[in-house]
Amino acid sequence: MYIRRTVVSNMLTTGQVISGPLKGHNGFVFTVTYSPDGKHIVSGSSDSTICIWNVETGHMVSRFLKGHNDSVWSVAYSPNGKHIVSGSSDKTICIWDAETEKVVSGPLKGHNGDVFSVAYSPDGKHIVSGSHDKTILI
């Protein structure tokens, strides 16, 4: 653990790029976040896709193609790393199985505008979303 903290500390201090660029989306990348274990990065794009990347190799591990019909503005891992939640310009939220790339819940509807922000509660039991419609839903 000491070595990992030292590497992270050095990266933050030097500002040097240690990997990338990661290429695979066909549109603008609007959102990225680390998995809870730090081994993967998930990204969402204007091409309506979600990609998972291996942090060490920089290779794409998964590409979720079916679920949203418009730009993916926000993604977040569940605290246990098993699921990913996404918010989109199609006004919906999807919950994905991080391994199978399948939608396990959704598309969830409730917002009347683009869903710009999504997050899991610390216990993983709830999702919160923020939208262009000026509302927050839990």
N, C-alpha and C. Protein backbone atom coordinates (compact mmCIF):
# COMPACT_ATOMS: atom_id res chain seq x y z
N MET A 1 0.82 -1.18 0.00
CA MET A 1 0.00 0.00 0.00
C MET A 1 0.87 1.25 0.00
N TYR A 2 1.99 1.23 0.67
CA TYR A 2 2.88 2.38 0.73
C TYR A 2 3.37 2.77 -0.66
N ILE A 3 3.74 1.76 -1.47
CA ILE A 3 4.25 2.02 -2.81
C ILE A 3 3.17 2.70 -3.65
N ARG A 4 1.93 2.19 -3.59
CA ARG A 4 0.82 2.76 -4.36
C ARG A 4 0.60 4.23 -3.98
N ARG A 5 0.60 4.54 -2.70
CA ARG A 5 0.40 5.91 -2.25
C ARG A 5 1.54 6.82 -2.73
N THR A 6 2.74 6.30 -2.74
CA THR A 6 3.87 7.09 -3.21
C THR A 6 3.73 7.40 -4.68
N VAL A 7 3.32 6.41 -5.49
CA VAL A 7 3.14 6.62 -6.92
C VAL A 7 2.05 7.66 -7.17
N VAL A 8 0.93 7.53 -6.49
CA VAL A 8 -0.16 8.50 -6.66
C VAL A 8 0.32 9.88 -6.24
N SER A 9 1.02 9.96 -5.13
CA SER A 9 1.53 11.24 -4.65
C SER A 9 2.46 11.87 -5.68
N ASN A 10 3.34 11.06 -6.27
CA ASN A 10 4.27 11.57 -7.28
C ASN A 10 3.53 12.04 -8.53
N MET A 11 2.48 11.31 -8.95
CA MET A 11 1.72 11.72 -10.13
C MET A 11 1.05 13.06 -9.88
N LEU A 12 0.50 13.22 -8.71
CA LEU A 12 -0.18 14.47 -8.39
C LEU A 12 0.81 15.62 -8.29
N THR A 13 2.00 15.34 -7.85
CA THR A 13 3.02 16.37 -7.70
C THR A 13 3.61 16.80 -9.04
N THR A 14 3.91 15.84 -9.92
CA THR A 14 4.58 16.15 -11.18
C THR A 14 3.63 16.57 -12.28
N GLY A 15 2.38 16.10 -12.23
CA GLY A 15 1.42 16.42 -13.28
C GLY A 15 1.68 15.69 -14.58
N GLN A 16 2.55 14.69 -14.56
CA GLN A 16 2.87 13.95 -15.78
C GLN A 16 1.76 12.96 -16.13
N VAL A 17 1.48 12.82 -17.43
CA VAL A 17 0.55 11.82 -17.92
C VAL A 17 1.21 10.46 -17.77
N ILE A 18 0.52 9.51 -17.15
CA ILE A 18 1.11 8.18 -16.96
C ILE A 18 0.49 7.15 -17.89
N SER A 19 -0.62 7.51 -18.53
CA SER A 19 -1.26 6.59 -19.46
C SER A 19 -2.15 7.39 -20.40
N GLY A 20 -2.33 6.88 -21.60
CA GLY A 20 -3.25 7.52 -22.51
C GLY A 20 -2.53 8.23 -23.63
N PRO A 21 -3.31 8.75 -24.53
CA PRO A 21 -4.75 8.86 -24.44
C PRO A 21 -5.45 7.52 -24.70
N LEU A 22 -6.58 7.32 -24.01
CA LEU A 22 -7.40 6.13 -24.20
C LEU A 22 -8.40 6.45 -25.31
N LYS A 23 -8.36 5.68 -26.37
CA LYS A 23 -9.21 5.95 -27.54
C LYS A 23 -10.18 4.81 -27.76
N GLY A 24 -11.42 5.18 -28.08
CA GLY A 24 -12.44 4.17 -28.35
C GLY A 24 -13.81 4.76 -28.56
N HIS A 25 -14.06 5.92 -27.98
CA HIS A 25 -15.35 6.59 -28.20
C HIS A 25 -15.33 7.28 -29.56
N ASN A 26 -16.51 7.43 -30.14
CA ASN A 26 -16.65 8.11 -31.42
C ASN A 26 -17.24 9.51 -31.26
N GLY A 27 -17.31 9.96 -30.03
CA GLY A 27 -17.84 11.29 -29.74
C GLY A 27 -17.11 11.90 -28.56
N PHE A 28 -17.59 13.06 -28.14
CA PHE A 28 -16.99 13.73 -26.99
C PHE A 28 -17.12 12.86 -25.74
N VAL A 29 -16.10 12.84 -24.90
CA VAL A 29 -16.17 12.14 -23.61
C VAL A 29 -16.59 13.17 -22.57
N PHE A 30 -17.77 12.95 -21.97
CA PHE A 30 -18.33 13.89 -21.01
C PHE A 30 -18.05 13.52 -19.55
N THR A 31 -17.81 12.24 -19.28
CA THR A 31 -17.70 11.81 -17.90
C THR A 31 -16.74 10.64 -17.76
N VAL A 32 -15.98 10.64 -16.67
CA VAL A 32 -15.10 9.52 -16.32
C VAL A 32 -15.08 9.37 -14.80
N THR A 33 -14.88 8.15 -14.35
CA THR A 33 -14.70 7.90 -12.92
C THR A 33 -13.98 6.58 -12.72
N TYR A 34 -13.30 6.47 -11.60
CA TYR A 34 -12.61 5.23 -11.23
C TYR A 34 -13.56 4.25 -10.59
N SER A 35 -13.29 2.96 -10.76
CA SER A 35 -13.99 1.92 -10.02
C SER A 35 -13.54 1.99 -8.56
N PRO A 36 -14.33 1.45 -7.64
CA PRO A 36 -13.95 1.51 -6.22
C PRO A 36 -12.59 0.87 -5.92
N ASP A 37 -12.21 -0.17 -6.68
CA ASP A 37 -10.92 -0.82 -6.44
C ASP A 37 -9.77 -0.13 -7.18
N GLY A 38 -10.09 0.87 -8.00
CA GLY A 38 -9.06 1.62 -8.72
C GLY A 38 -8.47 0.91 -9.93
N LYS A 39 -9.02 -0.25 -10.30
CA LYS A 39 -8.47 -1.03 -11.41
C LYS A 39 -9.07 -0.65 -12.77
N HIS A 40 -10.22 0.01 -12.75
CA HIS A 40 -10.90 0.35 -14.00
C HIS A 40 -11.35 1.81 -13.99
N ILE A 41 -11.56 2.32 -15.19
CA ILE A 41 -12.16 3.63 -15.39
C ILE A 41 -13.38 3.41 -16.27
N VAL A 42 -14.48 4.07 -15.94
CA VAL A 42 -15.66 4.02 -16.80
C VAL A 42 -15.86 5.41 -17.38
N SER A 43 -16.26 5.46 -18.65
CA SER A 43 -16.45 6.73 -19.35
C SER A 43 -17.77 6.73 -20.10
N GLY A 44 -18.34 7.93 -20.26
CA GLY A 44 -19.57 8.11 -21.01
C GLY A 44 -19.36 9.17 -22.07
N SER A 45 -20.07 9.04 -23.20
CA SER A 45 -19.77 9.86 -24.36
C SER A 45 -21.01 10.36 -25.09
N SER A 46 -20.78 11.35 -25.94
CA SER A 46 -21.84 11.85 -26.81
C SER A 46 -22.23 10.82 -27.88
N ASP A 47 -21.46 9.74 -28.02
CA ASP A 47 -21.81 8.69 -28.97
C ASP A 47 -22.80 7.69 -28.39
N SER A 48 -23.35 7.99 -27.20
CA SER A 48 -24.37 7.17 -26.51
C SER A 48 -23.80 5.90 -25.90
N THR A 49 -22.49 5.78 -25.82
CA THR A 49 -21.89 4.56 -25.29
C THR A 49 -21.20 4.81 -23.95
N ILE A 50 -20.97 3.70 -23.26
CA ILE A 50 -20.22 3.68 -22.02
C ILE A 50 -19.08 2.69 -22.22
N CYS A 51 -17.88 3.05 -21.84
CA CYS A 51 -16.73 2.15 -21.97
C CYS A 51 -16.08 1.95 -20.62
N ILE A 52 -15.54 0.76 -20.42
CA ILE A 52 -14.73 0.46 -19.24
C ILE A 52 -13.31 0.20 -19.72
N TRP A 53 -12.36 0.79 -19.00
CA TRP A 53 -10.94 0.72 -19.37
C TRP A 53 -10.13 0.10 -18.24
N ASN A 54 -9.13 -0.69 -18.60
CA ASN A 54 -8.17 -1.22 -17.63
C ASN A 54 -7.15 -0.12 -17.35
N VAL A 55 -7.00 0.25 -16.08
CA VAL A 55 -6.11 1.36 -15.72
C VAL A 55 -4.65 1.03 -16.04
N GLU A 56 -4.22 -0.19 -15.75
CA GLU A 56 -2.81 -0.55 -15.95
C GLU A 56 -2.42 -0.61 -17.42
N THR A 57 -3.28 -1.21 -18.25
CA THR A 57 -2.92 -1.41 -19.66
C THR A 57 -3.43 -0.30 -20.57
N GLY A 58 -4.49 0.40 -20.15
CA GLY A 58 -5.11 1.41 -20.99
C GLY A 58 -6.03 0.83 -22.04
N HIS A 59 -6.22 -0.49 -22.03
CA HIS A 59 -7.08 -1.13 -23.02
C HIS A 59 -8.55 -1.07 -22.61
N MET A 60 -9.43 -0.98 -23.62
CA MET A 60 -10.86 -1.02 -23.38
C MET A 60 -11.24 -2.45 -23.00
N VAL A 61 -11.96 -2.59 -21.91
CA VAL A 61 -12.41 -3.89 -21.43
C VAL A 61 -13.83 -4.17 -21.93
N SER A 62 -14.68 -3.16 -21.93
CA SER A 62 -16.08 -3.31 -22.32
C SER A 62 -16.58 -2.05 -23.01
N ARG A 63 -17.58 -2.25 -23.85
CA ARG A 63 -18.26 -1.12 -24.50
C ARG A 63 -19.75 -1.42 -24.49
N PHE A 64 -20.51 -0.64 -23.73
CA PHE A 64 -21.95 -0.83 -23.60
C PHE A 64 -22.62 -0.06 -24.72
N LEU A 65 -23.33 -0.75 -25.59
CA LEU A 65 -23.89 -0.13 -26.78
C LEU A 65 -25.39 0.11 -26.70
N LYS A 66 -26.12 -0.73 -25.98
CA LYS A 66 -27.58 -0.63 -25.96
C LYS A 66 -28.06 -0.20 -24.59
N GLY A 67 -28.84 0.85 -24.56
CA GLY A 67 -29.39 1.34 -23.30
C GLY A 67 -29.84 2.78 -23.43
N HIS A 68 -28.93 3.63 -23.88
CA HIS A 68 -29.27 5.04 -24.07
C HIS A 68 -29.37 5.37 -25.55
N ASN A 69 -30.22 6.34 -25.85
CA ASN A 69 -30.42 6.77 -27.23
C ASN A 69 -29.80 8.13 -27.51
N ASP A 70 -29.05 8.65 -26.56
CA ASP A 70 -28.45 9.97 -26.72
C ASP A 70 -27.20 10.05 -25.83
N SER A 71 -26.58 11.20 -25.77
CA SER A 71 -25.32 11.39 -25.02
C SER A 71 -25.41 10.90 -23.58
N VAL A 72 -24.32 10.29 -23.12
CA VAL A 72 -24.20 9.87 -21.72
C VAL A 72 -23.41 10.95 -21.00
N TRP A 73 -24.07 11.67 -20.09
CA TRP A 73 -23.47 12.80 -19.40
C TRP A 73 -22.77 12.41 -18.10
N SER A 74 -23.23 11.35 -17.46
CA SER A 74 -22.69 11.02 -16.14
C SER A 74 -22.70 9.52 -15.91
N VAL A 75 -21.63 9.03 -15.27
CA VAL A 75 -21.54 7.62 -14.88
C VAL A 75 -20.98 7.53 -13.47
N ALA A 76 -21.36 6.47 -12.76
CA ALA A 76 -20.82 6.23 -11.42
C ALA A 76 -20.87 4.74 -11.12
N TYR A 77 -19.83 4.26 -10.45
CA TYR A 77 -19.81 2.88 -9.98
C TYR A 77 -20.57 2.76 -8.67
N SER A 78 -21.19 1.60 -8.46
CA SER A 78 -21.76 1.29 -7.15
C SER A 78 -20.61 1.08 -6.18
N PRO A 79 -20.84 1.26 -4.89
CA PRO A 79 -19.74 1.09 -3.92
C PRO A 79 -19.06 -0.28 -3.98
N ASN A 80 -19.80 -1.34 -4.35
CA ASN A 80 -19.18 -2.66 -4.44
C ASN A 80 -18.57 -2.94 -5.81
N GLY A 81 -18.71 -1.99 -6.77
CA GLY A 81 -18.11 -2.12 -8.09
C GLY A 81 -18.85 -3.04 -9.04
N LYS A 82 -19.99 -3.60 -8.64
CA LYS A 82 -20.71 -4.54 -9.49
C LYS A 82 -21.63 -3.88 -10.50
N HIS A 83 -22.03 -2.65 -10.21
CA HIS A 83 -22.95 -1.96 -11.11
C HIS A 83 -22.44 -0.58 -11.47
N ILE A 84 -22.95 -0.08 -12.58
CA ILE A 84 -22.66 1.27 -13.04
C ILE A 84 -24.00 1.94 -13.31
N VAL A 85 -24.15 3.16 -12.85
CA VAL A 85 -25.34 3.95 -13.17
C VAL A 85 -24.94 5.02 -14.17
N SER A 86 -25.86 5.31 -15.10
CA SER A 86 -25.57 6.31 -16.12
C SER A 86 -26.77 7.23 -16.31
N GLY A 87 -26.48 8.50 -16.62
CA GLY A 87 -27.51 9.48 -16.91
C GLY A 87 -27.28 10.04 -18.30
N SER A 88 -28.38 10.32 -19.01
CA SER A 88 -28.27 10.64 -20.44
C SER A 88 -29.14 11.81 -20.87
N SER A 89 -28.82 12.32 -22.06
CA SER A 89 -29.63 13.34 -22.72
C SER A 89 -30.99 12.80 -23.14
N ASP A 90 -31.15 11.48 -23.14
CA ASP A 90 -32.45 10.90 -23.48
C ASP A 90 -33.41 10.95 -22.29
N LYS A 91 -32.99 11.66 -21.21
CA LYS A 91 -33.80 11.89 -20.01
C LYS A 91 -33.99 10.64 -19.16
N THR A 92 -33.12 9.65 -19.34
CA THR A 92 -33.24 8.41 -18.59
C THR A 92 -31.97 8.09 -17.81
N ILE A 93 -32.13 7.13 -16.91
CA ILE A 93 -31.04 6.58 -16.11
C ILE A 93 -31.04 5.08 -16.35
N CYS A 94 -29.87 4.50 -16.51
CA CYS A 94 -29.74 3.05 -16.63
C CYS A 94 -28.79 2.54 -15.55
N ILE A 95 -29.09 1.35 -15.06
CA ILE A 95 -28.19 0.66 -14.14
C ILE A 95 -27.69 -0.57 -14.88
N TRP A 96 -26.39 -0.71 -14.93
CA TRP A 96 -25.73 -1.74 -15.73
C TRP A 96 -25.00 -2.73 -14.83
N ASP A 97 -24.91 -3.97 -15.28
CA ASP A 97 -24.02 -4.95 -14.68
C ASP A 97 -22.63 -4.67 -15.25
N ALA A 98 -21.67 -4.37 -14.40
CA ALA A 98 -20.33 -3.97 -14.86
C ALA A 98 -19.60 -5.08 -15.61
N GLU A 99 -19.96 -6.32 -15.39
CA GLU A 99 -19.27 -7.43 -16.06
C GLU A 99 -19.95 -7.87 -17.34
N THR A 100 -21.28 -7.95 -17.33
CA THR A 100 -22.00 -8.49 -18.49
C THR A 100 -22.39 -7.44 -19.52
N GLU A 101 -22.28 -6.14 -19.16
CA GLU A 101 -22.65 -5.03 -20.03
C GLU A 101 -24.15 -4.95 -20.27
N LYS A 102 -24.95 -5.64 -19.49
CA LYS A 102 -26.41 -5.66 -19.65
C LYS A 102 -27.05 -4.65 -18.72
N VAL A 103 -28.16 -4.06 -19.19
CA VAL A 103 -28.95 -3.18 -18.35
C VAL A 103 -29.70 -4.06 -17.35
N VAL A 104 -29.51 -3.80 -16.07
CA VAL A 104 -30.22 -4.57 -15.04
C VAL A 104 -31.45 -3.82 -14.54
N SER A 105 -31.49 -2.53 -14.79
CA SER A 105 -32.67 -1.73 -14.44
C SER A 105 -32.72 -0.51 -15.34
N GLY A 106 -33.88 -0.29 -15.94
CA GLY A 106 -34.04 0.89 -16.78
C GLY A 106 -34.27 0.54 -18.22
N PRO A 107 -34.37 1.55 -19.02
CA PRO A 107 -34.15 2.95 -18.67
C PRO A 107 -35.21 3.46 -17.69
N LEU A 108 -34.71 4.13 -16.64
CA LEU A 108 -35.57 4.70 -15.62
C LEU A 108 -35.95 6.11 -16.04
N LYS A 109 -37.25 6.41 -15.92
CA LYS A 109 -37.75 7.72 -16.34
C LYS A 109 -38.25 8.49 -15.13
N GLY A 110 -38.25 9.79 -15.24
CA GLY A 110 -38.71 10.65 -14.16
C GLY A 110 -38.32 12.09 -14.37
N HIS A 111 -37.22 12.30 -15.07
CA HIS A 111 -36.79 13.66 -15.38
C HIS A 111 -37.42 14.12 -16.69
N ASN A 112 -37.58 15.44 -16.81
CA ASN A 112 -38.10 16.04 -18.04
C ASN A 112 -37.00 16.74 -18.83
N GLY A 113 -35.77 16.50 -18.47
CA GLY A 113 -34.63 17.10 -19.15
C GLY A 113 -33.44 16.16 -19.11
N ASP A 114 -32.36 16.57 -19.77
CA ASP A 114 -31.13 15.78 -19.76
C ASP A 114 -30.71 15.46 -18.33
N VAL A 115 -30.23 14.24 -18.10
CA VAL A 115 -29.73 13.85 -16.79
C VAL A 115 -28.22 14.07 -16.80
N PHE A 116 -27.80 15.13 -16.10
CA PHE A 116 -26.40 15.54 -16.13
C PHE A 116 -25.54 14.92 -15.03
N SER A 117 -26.17 14.42 -13.97
CA SER A 117 -25.39 13.92 -12.85
C SER A 117 -26.09 12.74 -12.18
N VAL A 118 -25.30 11.69 -11.89
CA VAL A 118 -25.80 10.53 -11.15
C VAL A 118 -24.76 10.10 -10.12
N ALA A 119 -25.24 9.54 -9.02
CA ALA A 119 -24.33 9.04 -7.97
C ALA A 119 -25.05 7.99 -7.14
N TYR A 120 -24.27 7.08 -6.58
CA TYR A 120 -24.79 6.08 -5.63
C TYR A 120 -24.66 6.62 -4.22
N SER A 121 -25.59 6.20 -3.36
CA SER A 121 -25.44 6.47 -1.93
C SER A 121 -24.29 5.60 -1.42
N PRO A 122 -23.67 5.98 -0.30
CA PRO A 122 -22.54 5.19 0.22
C PRO A 122 -22.87 3.72 0.49
N ASP A 123 -24.12 3.41 0.83
CA ASP A 123 -24.49 2.01 1.08
C ASP A 123 -24.92 1.29 -0.19
N GLY A 124 -24.99 2.00 -1.33
CA GLY A 124 -25.35 1.39 -2.61
C GLY A 124 -26.83 1.11 -2.78
N LYS A 125 -27.67 1.54 -1.85
CA LYS A 125 -29.10 1.24 -1.91
C LYS A 125 -29.91 2.27 -2.69
N HIS A 126 -29.33 3.44 -2.91
CA HIS A 126 -30.06 4.51 -3.60
C HIS A 126 -29.19 5.16 -4.66
N ILE A 127 -29.87 5.76 -5.62
CA ILE A 127 -29.21 6.54 -6.67
C ILE A 127 -29.82 7.93 -6.62
N VAL A 128 -28.99 8.94 -6.79
CA VAL A 128 -29.46 10.31 -6.88
C VAL A 128 -29.10 10.82 -8.27
N SER A 129 -29.98 11.65 -8.83
CA SER A 129 -29.73 12.20 -10.16
C SER A 129 -30.10 13.67 -10.19
N GLY A 130 -29.37 14.42 -11.02
CA GLY A 130 -29.64 15.83 -11.23
C GLY A 130 -29.87 16.08 -12.70
N SER A 131 -30.81 16.99 -13.01
CA SER A 131 -31.22 17.15 -14.39
C SER A 131 -31.31 18.61 -14.82
N HIS A 132 -31.30 18.79 -16.13
CA HIS A 132 -31.52 20.08 -16.76
C HIS A 132 -32.90 20.64 -16.41
N ASP A 133 -33.82 19.76 -15.97
CA ASP A 133 -35.16 20.20 -15.60
C ASP A 133 -35.19 20.87 -14.21
N LYS A 134 -34.01 21.08 -13.64
CA LYS A 134 -33.83 21.77 -12.35
C LYS A 134 -34.33 20.95 -11.16
N THR A 135 -34.32 19.61 -11.30
CA THR A 135 -34.75 18.75 -10.21
C THR A 135 -33.66 17.74 -9.85
N ILE A 136 -33.79 17.23 -8.63
CA ILE A 136 -32.96 16.13 -8.13
C ILE A 136 -33.93 15.02 -7.76
N LEU A 137 -33.63 13.80 -8.20
CA LEU A 137 -34.46 12.65 -7.84
C LEU A 137 -33.61 11.62 -7.11
N ILE A 138 -34.21 10.96 -6.13
CA ILE A 138 -33.54 9.87 -5.41
C ILE A 138 -34.33 8.59 -5.67
